[in-house]
Amino acid sequence: MISEEMANRINAQINREMYSANFYLSLSAQAETMNLKGVAAWFFAKHGEEMTHAMKMYRYLIDQDVVVKLTEIAAPEAVEPSVIEMFEGTLKHERGVTACINDLVDHALSEKDHATNIFLQWFVTEQIEEEATVKDIIGRVRLFGDQGQSLLLIDNELAGIAKQIGQTADASAA
């Protein structure tokens, strides 16, 4: 069984993951209003990923015989309605999540909680991937621009990526 402090920290992270899901859902809605169906689909797929992250932590606590404590989830902060600012806000957000995951790992190590440390390694790897993906998208938007045909190209590309994310999520849920 994990310590009460570790359980409290993971419970807090579950709520942060749910906030992340709402953050991405908000960005998806914003992209929809901008008629960027691919960008909207990408953010919607990220919403689903974040809910999966929350549920992994939920399941871990249940398996550790710990009570899951859900709290109120704050409304996501507004992001300026431009594609570059949406993704820059996403990168900032993901870096914050990475810091929280690293803090959880540090705490697990300080408690010599090997099971939780091993469990959290998946999230460490996931955050490397999350940040790299968003940095790549930002680079492409900066290179090609976020207007006209360039934006259409990026929107179509993100639609394809969103479809892949959805298929991966479907496979991992099975």
N, C-alpha and C. Protein backbone atom coordinates (compact mmCIF):
# COMPACT_ATOMS: atom_id res chain seq x y z
N MET A 1 0.85 -1.19 0.00
CA MET A 1 0.00 0.00 0.00
C MET A 1 0.88 1.24 0.00
N ILE A 2 0.42 2.27 -0.67
CA ILE A 2 1.19 3.51 -0.74
C ILE A 2 0.83 4.42 0.44
N SER A 3 1.70 5.37 0.69
CA SER A 3 1.47 6.28 1.81
C SER A 3 0.28 7.19 1.54
N GLU A 4 -0.26 7.73 2.60
CA GLU A 4 -1.37 8.68 2.48
C GLU A 4 -0.94 9.91 1.67
N GLU A 5 0.28 10.38 1.92
CA GLU A 5 0.80 11.55 1.18
C GLU A 5 0.90 11.25 -0.31
N MET A 6 1.43 10.08 -0.66
CA MET A 6 1.55 9.72 -2.08
C MET A 6 0.16 9.59 -2.69
N ALA A 7 -0.77 8.99 -1.98
CA ALA A 7 -2.14 8.86 -2.47
C ALA A 7 -2.77 10.23 -2.71
N ASN A 8 -2.56 11.15 -1.79
CA ASN A 8 -3.09 12.51 -1.94
C ASN A 8 -2.50 13.18 -3.18
N ARG A 9 -1.22 12.98 -3.39
CA ARG A 9 -0.57 13.59 -4.56
C ARG A 9 -1.09 12.99 -5.87
N ILE A 10 -1.30 11.70 -5.89
CA ILE A 10 -1.84 11.08 -7.11
C ILE A 10 -3.29 11.50 -7.32
N ASN A 11 -4.06 11.59 -6.24
CA ASN A 11 -5.43 12.09 -6.36
C ASN A 11 -5.44 13.49 -6.97
N ALA A 12 -4.51 14.35 -6.51
CA ALA A 12 -4.42 15.70 -7.06
C ALA A 12 -4.07 15.65 -8.54
N GLN A 13 -3.21 14.72 -8.92
CA GLN A 13 -2.82 14.60 -10.33
C GLN A 13 -3.98 14.10 -11.18
N ILE A 14 -4.80 13.22 -10.63
CA ILE A 14 -6.00 12.80 -11.37
C ILE A 14 -6.82 14.03 -11.73
N ASN A 15 -7.01 14.90 -10.78
CA ASN A 15 -7.79 16.11 -11.04
C ASN A 15 -7.09 17.03 -12.03
N ARG A 16 -5.75 17.08 -11.99
CA ARG A 16 -5.01 17.88 -12.98
C ARG A 16 -5.18 17.28 -14.37
N GLU A 17 -5.19 15.96 -14.46
CA GLU A 17 -5.39 15.31 -15.76
C GLU A 17 -6.79 15.61 -16.29
N MET A 18 -7.78 15.65 -15.41
CA MET A 18 -9.13 16.00 -15.84
C MET A 18 -9.20 17.47 -16.27
N TYR A 19 -8.45 18.33 -15.58
CA TYR A 19 -8.35 19.72 -16.02
C TYR A 19 -7.75 19.77 -17.42
N SER A 20 -6.69 18.98 -17.63
CA SER A 20 -6.06 18.93 -18.95
C SER A 20 -7.07 18.50 -20.02
N ALA A 21 -7.88 17.51 -19.69
CA ALA A 21 -8.90 17.07 -20.64
C ALA A 21 -9.84 18.22 -20.98
N ASN A 22 -10.27 18.97 -19.97
CA ASN A 22 -11.14 20.12 -20.22
C ASN A 22 -10.43 21.22 -21.00
N PHE A 23 -9.15 21.40 -20.71
CA PHE A 23 -8.33 22.38 -21.45
C PHE A 23 -8.35 22.05 -22.94
N TYR A 24 -8.12 20.77 -23.25
CA TYR A 24 -8.11 20.36 -24.66
C TYR A 24 -9.50 20.39 -25.28
N LEU A 25 -10.51 20.06 -24.51
CA LEU A 25 -11.87 20.14 -25.03
C LEU A 25 -12.23 21.58 -25.37
N SER A 26 -11.79 22.50 -24.52
CA SER A 26 -12.02 23.93 -24.77
C SER A 26 -11.33 24.38 -26.05
N LEU A 27 -10.08 23.93 -26.23
CA LEU A 27 -9.35 24.30 -27.45
C LEU A 27 -10.00 23.67 -28.68
N SER A 28 -10.53 22.46 -28.52
CA SER A 28 -11.23 21.81 -29.63
C SER A 28 -12.45 22.63 -30.04
N ALA A 29 -13.20 23.07 -29.06
CA ALA A 29 -14.38 23.89 -29.36
C ALA A 29 -13.98 25.20 -30.03
N GLN A 30 -12.91 25.79 -29.56
CA GLN A 30 -12.43 27.04 -30.15
C GLN A 30 -12.02 26.82 -31.60
N ALA A 31 -11.33 25.73 -31.88
CA ALA A 31 -10.92 25.42 -33.25
C ALA A 31 -12.14 25.16 -34.13
N GLU A 32 -13.15 24.53 -33.57
CA GLU A 32 -14.39 24.30 -34.32
C GLU A 32 -15.00 25.63 -34.77
N THR A 33 -15.01 26.62 -33.87
CA THR A 33 -15.59 27.90 -34.23
C THR A 33 -14.75 28.62 -35.28
N MET A 34 -13.49 28.22 -35.44
CA MET A 34 -12.61 28.80 -36.44
C MET A 34 -12.65 28.00 -37.75
N ASN A 35 -13.56 26.97 -37.80
CA ASN A 35 -13.70 26.09 -38.96
C ASN A 35 -12.43 25.30 -39.26
N LEU A 36 -11.69 24.97 -38.21
CA LEU A 36 -10.47 24.16 -38.35
C LEU A 36 -10.77 22.77 -37.80
N LYS A 37 -11.40 21.97 -38.64
CA LYS A 37 -11.87 20.65 -38.21
C LYS A 37 -10.72 19.73 -37.81
N GLY A 38 -9.58 19.81 -38.50
CA GLY A 38 -8.44 18.96 -38.17
C GLY A 38 -7.81 19.35 -36.84
N VAL A 39 -7.65 20.65 -36.63
CA VAL A 39 -7.11 21.13 -35.35
C VAL A 39 -8.07 20.75 -34.23
N ALA A 40 -9.36 20.93 -34.47
CA ALA A 40 -10.37 20.56 -33.48
C ALA A 40 -10.31 19.07 -33.17
N ALA A 41 -10.17 18.24 -34.20
CA ALA A 41 -10.09 16.79 -34.00
C ALA A 41 -8.84 16.42 -33.20
N TRP A 42 -7.72 17.10 -33.48
CA TRP A 42 -6.48 16.83 -32.74
C TRP A 42 -6.64 17.16 -31.27
N PHE A 43 -7.21 18.34 -30.97
CA PHE A 43 -7.42 18.71 -29.58
C PHE A 43 -8.44 17.79 -28.91
N PHE A 44 -9.46 17.36 -29.65
CA PHE A 44 -10.44 16.45 -29.08
C PHE A 44 -9.80 15.10 -28.75
N ALA A 45 -8.92 14.63 -29.63
CA ALA A 45 -8.20 13.38 -29.37
C ALA A 45 -7.32 13.52 -28.12
N LYS A 46 -6.71 14.69 -27.95
CA LYS A 46 -5.90 14.94 -26.76
C LYS A 46 -6.79 14.92 -25.51
N HIS A 47 -7.99 15.44 -25.63
CA HIS A 47 -8.96 15.37 -24.52
C HIS A 47 -9.12 13.91 -24.07
N GLY A 48 -9.34 13.03 -25.03
CA GLY A 48 -9.50 11.62 -24.72
C GLY A 48 -8.27 11.01 -24.07
N GLU A 49 -7.09 11.39 -24.55
CA GLU A 49 -5.84 10.90 -23.97
C GLU A 49 -5.72 11.31 -22.50
N GLU A 50 -6.07 12.55 -22.23
CA GLU A 50 -5.96 13.05 -20.85
C GLU A 50 -6.92 12.32 -19.92
N MET A 51 -8.10 12.01 -20.41
CA MET A 51 -9.05 11.23 -19.61
C MET A 51 -8.49 9.83 -19.36
N THR A 52 -7.83 9.27 -20.36
CA THR A 52 -7.19 7.96 -20.19
C THR A 52 -6.10 8.03 -19.13
N HIS A 53 -5.32 9.12 -19.13
CA HIS A 53 -4.29 9.29 -18.10
C HIS A 53 -4.92 9.33 -16.72
N ALA A 54 -5.99 10.09 -16.59
CA ALA A 54 -6.68 10.19 -15.29
C ALA A 54 -7.17 8.81 -14.85
N MET A 55 -7.70 8.04 -15.79
CA MET A 55 -8.24 6.73 -15.44
C MET A 55 -7.14 5.73 -15.10
N LYS A 56 -5.96 5.87 -15.70
CA LYS A 56 -4.82 5.01 -15.32
C LYS A 56 -4.48 5.25 -13.86
N MET A 57 -4.45 6.52 -13.48
CA MET A 57 -4.13 6.86 -12.08
C MET A 57 -5.25 6.41 -11.15
N TYR A 58 -6.46 6.60 -11.58
CA TYR A 58 -7.63 6.13 -10.81
C TYR A 58 -7.50 4.64 -10.53
N ARG A 59 -7.24 3.87 -11.58
CA ARG A 59 -7.12 2.42 -11.46
C ARG A 59 -5.96 2.04 -10.54
N TYR A 60 -4.83 2.78 -10.65
CA TYR A 60 -3.68 2.49 -9.80
C TYR A 60 -4.05 2.67 -8.33
N LEU A 61 -4.74 3.76 -8.02
CA LEU A 61 -5.14 3.98 -6.62
C LEU A 61 -6.10 2.90 -6.14
N ILE A 62 -7.05 2.55 -6.96
CA ILE A 62 -7.99 1.48 -6.60
C ILE A 62 -7.22 0.17 -6.35
N ASP A 63 -6.30 -0.14 -7.25
CA ASP A 63 -5.51 -1.37 -7.10
C ASP A 63 -4.63 -1.34 -5.86
N GLN A 64 -4.29 -0.14 -5.39
CA GLN A 64 -3.47 0.01 -4.19
C GLN A 64 -4.35 0.12 -2.93
N ASP A 65 -5.64 -0.10 -3.10
CA ASP A 65 -6.60 -0.06 -1.99
C ASP A 65 -6.67 1.34 -1.36
N VAL A 66 -6.67 2.34 -2.23
CA VAL A 66 -6.73 3.74 -1.81
C VAL A 66 -8.04 4.35 -2.31
N VAL A 67 -8.63 5.20 -1.52
CA VAL A 67 -9.85 5.89 -1.91
C VAL A 67 -9.50 7.00 -2.91
N VAL A 68 -10.21 7.02 -4.02
CA VAL A 68 -10.04 8.08 -5.01
C VAL A 68 -10.87 9.27 -4.56
N LYS A 69 -10.24 10.44 -4.54
CA LYS A 69 -10.91 11.66 -4.09
C LYS A 69 -10.92 12.67 -5.24
N LEU A 70 -12.08 12.81 -5.84
CA LEU A 70 -12.23 13.78 -6.92
C LEU A 70 -12.64 15.12 -6.34
N THR A 71 -12.07 16.17 -6.87
CA THR A 71 -12.40 17.51 -6.41
C THR A 71 -12.89 18.34 -7.58
N GLU A 72 -13.32 19.54 -7.28
CA GLU A 72 -13.78 20.46 -8.32
C GLU A 72 -12.65 20.71 -9.31
N ILE A 73 -13.02 20.79 -10.57
CA ILE A 73 -12.04 21.03 -11.63
C ILE A 73 -12.27 22.45 -12.15
N ALA A 74 -11.22 23.26 -12.08
CA ALA A 74 -11.32 24.64 -12.52
C ALA A 74 -11.58 24.71 -14.03
N ALA A 75 -12.22 25.78 -14.44
CA ALA A 75 -12.42 26.03 -15.87
C ALA A 75 -11.08 26.36 -16.51
N PRO A 76 -10.84 25.88 -17.72
CA PRO A 76 -9.58 26.18 -18.40
C PRO A 76 -9.45 27.67 -18.70
N GLU A 77 -8.20 28.13 -18.66
CA GLU A 77 -7.94 29.52 -19.02
C GLU A 77 -8.16 29.70 -20.52
N ALA A 78 -8.60 30.88 -20.90
CA ALA A 78 -8.82 31.17 -22.31
C ALA A 78 -7.47 31.33 -23.01
N VAL A 79 -7.41 30.88 -24.24
CA VAL A 79 -6.22 31.02 -25.08
C VAL A 79 -6.63 31.86 -26.28
N GLU A 80 -5.75 32.74 -26.69
CA GLU A 80 -6.05 33.61 -27.84
C GLU A 80 -6.44 32.77 -29.06
N PRO A 81 -7.40 33.26 -29.83
CA PRO A 81 -7.92 32.47 -30.96
C PRO A 81 -7.02 32.53 -32.21
N SER A 82 -5.80 32.08 -32.07
CA SER A 82 -4.95 31.89 -33.24
C SER A 82 -4.27 30.54 -33.06
N VAL A 83 -4.02 29.88 -34.16
CA VAL A 83 -3.47 28.53 -34.10
C VAL A 83 -2.13 28.52 -33.38
N ILE A 84 -1.25 29.45 -33.68
CA ILE A 84 0.07 29.45 -33.04
C ILE A 84 -0.08 29.66 -31.54
N GLU A 85 -0.96 30.55 -31.12
CA GLU A 85 -1.13 30.80 -29.69
C GLU A 85 -1.81 29.62 -28.99
N MET A 86 -2.67 28.92 -29.70
CA MET A 86 -3.30 27.73 -29.13
C MET A 86 -2.23 26.68 -28.82
N PHE A 87 -1.31 26.49 -29.76
CA PHE A 87 -0.28 25.47 -29.56
C PHE A 87 0.82 25.94 -28.61
N GLU A 88 1.11 27.22 -28.59
CA GLU A 88 2.06 27.73 -27.60
C GLU A 88 1.49 27.58 -26.19
N GLY A 89 0.19 27.82 -26.04
CA GLY A 89 -0.48 27.60 -24.76
C GLY A 89 -0.47 26.13 -24.38
N THR A 90 -0.61 25.27 -25.38
CA THR A 90 -0.56 23.83 -25.15
C THR A 90 0.82 23.41 -24.66
N LEU A 91 1.87 23.93 -25.28
CA LEU A 91 3.23 23.59 -24.85
C LEU A 91 3.47 24.05 -23.42
N LYS A 92 3.05 25.25 -23.11
CA LYS A 92 3.20 25.75 -21.73
C LYS A 92 2.45 24.83 -20.76
N HIS A 93 1.26 24.45 -21.13
CA HIS A 93 0.46 23.56 -20.28
C HIS A 93 1.17 22.21 -20.09
N GLU A 94 1.64 21.62 -21.18
CA GLU A 94 2.30 20.31 -21.08
C GLU A 94 3.58 20.39 -20.25
N ARG A 95 4.30 21.49 -20.34
CA ARG A 95 5.49 21.64 -19.50
C ARG A 95 5.12 21.69 -18.03
N GLY A 96 3.98 22.28 -17.71
CA GLY A 96 3.49 22.28 -16.34
C GLY A 96 3.13 20.88 -15.87
N VAL A 97 2.49 20.11 -16.76
CA VAL A 97 2.15 18.73 -16.43
C VAL A 97 3.42 17.92 -16.20
N THR A 98 4.41 18.12 -17.05
CA THR A 98 5.69 17.42 -16.89
C THR A 98 6.29 17.71 -15.52
N ALA A 99 6.26 18.96 -15.11
CA ALA A 99 6.80 19.33 -13.79
C ALA A 99 6.04 18.60 -12.68
N CYS A 100 4.73 18.49 -12.81
CA CYS A 100 3.93 17.79 -11.79
C CYS A 100 4.26 16.30 -11.76
N ILE A 101 4.41 15.68 -12.91
CA ILE A 101 4.76 14.26 -12.97
C ILE A 101 6.14 14.05 -12.35
N ASN A 102 7.09 14.93 -12.69
CA ASN A 102 8.43 14.82 -12.11
C ASN A 102 8.39 14.96 -10.59
N ASP A 103 7.55 15.84 -10.09
CA ASP A 103 7.40 15.99 -8.63
C ASP A 103 6.86 14.70 -8.01
N LEU A 104 5.91 14.06 -8.69
CA LEU A 104 5.38 12.79 -8.18
C LEU A 104 6.48 11.73 -8.12
N VAL A 105 7.29 11.67 -9.18
CA VAL A 105 8.39 10.70 -9.21
C VAL A 105 9.38 11.00 -8.09
N ASP A 106 9.73 12.27 -7.93
CA ASP A 106 10.66 12.64 -6.85
C ASP A 106 10.12 12.22 -5.49
N HIS A 107 8.82 12.41 -5.29
CA HIS A 107 8.24 12.04 -4.00
C HIS A 107 8.24 10.52 -3.82
N ALA A 108 7.89 9.79 -4.88
CA ALA A 108 7.91 8.33 -4.79
C ALA A 108 9.32 7.84 -4.44
N LEU A 109 10.32 8.43 -5.07
CA LEU A 109 11.71 8.05 -4.78
C LEU A 109 12.09 8.39 -3.34
N SER A 110 11.64 9.55 -2.88
CA SER A 110 11.99 9.95 -1.51
C SER A 110 11.37 9.01 -0.48
N GLU A 111 10.22 8.41 -0.83
CA GLU A 111 9.56 7.46 0.06
C GLU A 111 10.01 6.02 -0.18
N LYS A 112 10.88 5.84 -1.16
CA LYS A 112 11.29 4.50 -1.59
C LYS A 112 10.08 3.65 -1.96
N ASP A 113 9.14 4.30 -2.63
CA ASP A 113 7.90 3.66 -3.10
C ASP A 113 8.18 3.18 -4.52
N HIS A 114 8.74 1.98 -4.62
CA HIS A 114 9.17 1.47 -5.91
C HIS A 114 8.01 1.18 -6.86
N ALA A 115 6.91 0.71 -6.33
CA ALA A 115 5.76 0.41 -7.18
C ALA A 115 5.25 1.69 -7.86
N THR A 116 5.10 2.75 -7.08
CA THR A 116 4.60 4.01 -7.65
C THR A 116 5.62 4.59 -8.61
N ASN A 117 6.90 4.49 -8.28
CA ASN A 117 7.93 4.98 -9.19
C ASN A 117 7.85 4.27 -10.54
N ILE A 118 7.72 2.95 -10.50
CA ILE A 118 7.61 2.19 -11.75
C ILE A 118 6.34 2.59 -12.50
N PHE A 119 5.24 2.71 -11.79
CA PHE A 119 3.97 3.12 -12.41
C PHE A 119 4.12 4.47 -13.11
N LEU A 120 4.80 5.41 -12.47
CA LEU A 120 4.91 6.77 -13.01
C LEU A 120 5.85 6.89 -14.20
N GLN A 121 6.70 5.90 -14.41
CA GLN A 121 7.65 5.97 -15.54
C GLN A 121 6.92 6.05 -16.88
N TRP A 122 5.77 5.42 -17.00
CA TRP A 122 4.99 5.52 -18.23
C TRP A 122 4.63 6.98 -18.50
N PHE A 123 4.25 7.70 -17.45
CA PHE A 123 3.86 9.11 -17.58
C PHE A 123 5.06 9.98 -17.92
N VAL A 124 6.22 9.67 -17.38
CA VAL A 124 7.44 10.41 -17.71
C VAL A 124 7.71 10.31 -19.21
N THR A 125 7.65 9.09 -19.72
CA THR A 125 7.87 8.87 -21.15
C THR A 125 6.79 9.55 -21.98
N GLU A 126 5.56 9.47 -21.54
CA GLU A 126 4.44 10.10 -22.24
C GLU A 126 4.65 11.61 -22.35
N GLN A 127 5.14 12.23 -21.28
CA GLN A 127 5.34 13.68 -21.30
C GLN A 127 6.44 14.09 -22.28
N ILE A 128 7.47 13.28 -22.40
CA ILE A 128 8.52 13.57 -23.39
C ILE A 128 7.88 13.60 -24.77
N GLU A 129 7.06 12.61 -25.04
CA GLU A 129 6.36 12.50 -26.32
C GLU A 129 5.40 13.67 -26.53
N GLU A 130 4.64 14.01 -25.50
CA GLU A 130 3.65 15.10 -25.60
C GLU A 130 4.34 16.41 -25.98
N GLU A 131 5.39 16.75 -25.25
CA GLU A 131 6.09 18.01 -25.52
C GLU A 131 6.73 18.01 -26.90
N ALA A 132 7.34 16.91 -27.29
CA ALA A 132 7.98 16.83 -28.60
C ALA A 132 6.96 17.01 -29.72
N THR A 133 5.80 16.41 -29.59
CA THR A 133 4.76 16.52 -30.61
C THR A 133 4.30 17.97 -30.76
N VAL A 134 4.06 18.62 -29.64
CA VAL A 134 3.58 20.01 -29.70
C VAL A 134 4.67 20.93 -30.25
N LYS A 135 5.92 20.71 -29.85
CA LYS A 135 7.02 21.53 -30.40
C LYS A 135 7.12 21.34 -31.90
N ASP A 136 6.90 20.12 -32.39
CA ASP A 136 6.93 19.85 -33.83
C ASP A 136 5.81 20.61 -34.54
N ILE A 137 4.62 20.60 -33.96
CA ILE A 137 3.49 21.32 -34.57
C ILE A 137 3.78 22.82 -34.59
N ILE A 138 4.29 23.35 -33.50
CA ILE A 138 4.62 24.79 -33.45
C ILE A 138 5.66 25.12 -34.52
N GLY A 139 6.65 24.26 -34.66
CA GLY A 139 7.67 24.48 -35.68
C GLY A 139 7.09 24.52 -37.08
N ARG A 140 6.15 23.61 -37.34
CA ARG A 140 5.53 23.57 -38.66
C ARG A 140 4.66 24.81 -38.89
N VAL A 141 3.93 25.21 -37.89
CA VAL A 141 3.09 26.41 -38.03
C VAL A 141 3.98 27.63 -38.27
N ARG A 142 5.08 27.74 -37.53
CA ARG A 142 5.99 28.87 -37.72
C ARG A 142 6.64 28.83 -39.11
N LEU A 143 6.98 27.63 -39.57
CA LEU A 143 7.63 27.49 -40.87
C LEU A 143 6.68 27.82 -42.02
N PHE A 144 5.47 27.27 -41.96
CA PHE A 144 4.54 27.42 -43.07
C PHE A 144 3.55 28.56 -42.90
N GLY A 145 3.33 28.99 -41.66
CA GLY A 145 2.37 30.05 -41.39
C GLY A 145 1.03 29.51 -40.98
N ASP A 146 0.22 30.39 -40.41
CA ASP A 146 -1.10 29.96 -39.96
C ASP A 146 -2.21 30.71 -40.69
N GLN A 147 -1.99 30.89 -41.99
CA GLN A 147 -2.98 31.54 -42.84
C GLN A 147 -3.13 30.76 -44.14
N GLY A 148 -4.25 30.88 -44.77
CA GLY A 148 -4.50 30.37 -46.11
C GLY A 148 -4.17 28.90 -46.31
N GLN A 149 -3.49 28.63 -47.43
CA GLN A 149 -3.18 27.25 -47.80
C GLN A 149 -2.29 26.56 -46.78
N SER A 150 -1.39 27.30 -46.17
CA SER A 150 -0.52 26.70 -45.16
C SER A 150 -1.34 26.18 -43.99
N LEU A 151 -2.29 26.97 -43.56
CA LEU A 151 -3.14 26.56 -42.44
C LEU A 151 -4.00 25.36 -42.84
N LEU A 152 -4.48 25.34 -44.07
CA LEU A 152 -5.26 24.21 -44.55
C LEU A 152 -4.42 22.93 -44.54
N LEU A 153 -3.17 23.02 -44.97
CA LEU A 153 -2.26 21.88 -44.97
C LEU A 153 -2.06 21.35 -43.54
N ILE A 154 -1.79 22.25 -42.62
CA ILE A 154 -1.59 21.86 -41.22
C ILE A 154 -2.87 21.27 -40.63
N ASP A 155 -4.00 21.89 -40.95
CA ASP A 155 -5.30 21.40 -40.45
C ASP A 155 -5.55 19.97 -40.94
N ASN A 156 -5.27 19.72 -42.21
CA ASN A 156 -5.46 18.38 -42.77
C ASN A 156 -4.50 17.37 -42.13
N GLU A 157 -3.27 17.80 -41.90
CA GLU A 157 -2.28 16.92 -41.28
C GLU A 157 -2.72 16.55 -39.86
N LEU A 158 -3.20 17.52 -39.11
CA LEU A 158 -3.63 17.25 -37.73
C LEU A 158 -4.86 16.36 -37.70
N ALA A 159 -5.71 16.46 -38.72
CA ALA A 159 -6.87 15.56 -38.81
C ALA A 159 -6.40 14.11 -38.91
N GLY A 160 -5.37 13.89 -39.74
CA GLY A 160 -4.81 12.54 -39.88
C GLY A 160 -4.19 12.04 -38.59
N ILE A 161 -3.47 12.91 -37.91
CA ILE A 161 -2.84 12.53 -36.64
C ILE A 161 -3.93 12.22 -35.61
N ALA A 162 -4.97 13.02 -35.58
CA ALA A 162 -6.06 12.80 -34.63
C ALA A 162 -6.70 11.43 -34.86
N LYS A 163 -6.83 11.05 -36.11
CA LYS A 163 -7.41 9.74 -36.42
C LYS A 163 -6.51 8.63 -35.87
N GLN A 164 -5.19 8.79 -36.01
CA GLN A 164 -4.25 7.80 -35.48
C GLN A 164 -4.33 7.75 -33.95
N ILE A 165 -4.41 8.91 -33.31
CA ILE A 165 -4.51 8.96 -31.85
C ILE A 165 -5.76 8.23 -31.40
N GLY A 166 -6.86 8.46 -32.11
CA GLY A 166 -8.11 7.81 -31.77
C GLY A 166 -8.03 6.30 -31.90
N GLN A 167 -7.36 5.83 -32.94
CA GLN A 167 -7.20 4.39 -33.13
C GLN A 167 -6.32 3.80 -32.03
N THR A 168 -5.28 4.53 -31.64
CA THR A 168 -4.40 4.06 -30.57
C THR A 168 -5.16 4.01 -29.26
N ALA A 169 -5.96 5.04 -29.00
CA ALA A 169 -6.75 5.07 -27.78
C ALA A 169 -7.77 3.94 -27.75
N ASP A 170 -8.39 3.67 -28.90
CA ASP A 170 -9.35 2.57 -28.98
C ASP A 170 -8.67 1.24 -28.68
N ALA A 171 -7.46 1.05 -29.20
CA ALA A 171 -6.73 -0.20 -29.00
C ALA A 171 -6.32 -0.37 -27.54
N SER A 172 -5.90 0.71 -26.90
CA SER A 172 -5.46 0.59 -25.50
C SER A 172 -6.64 0.44 -24.55
N ALA A 173 -7.83 0.86 -24.97
CA ALA A 173 -9.01 0.72 -24.12
C ALA A 173 -9.56 -0.71 -24.18
N ALA A 174 -9.23 -1.40 -25.24
CA ALA A 174 -9.76 -2.77 -25.43
C ALA A 174 -9.16 -3.78 -24.50
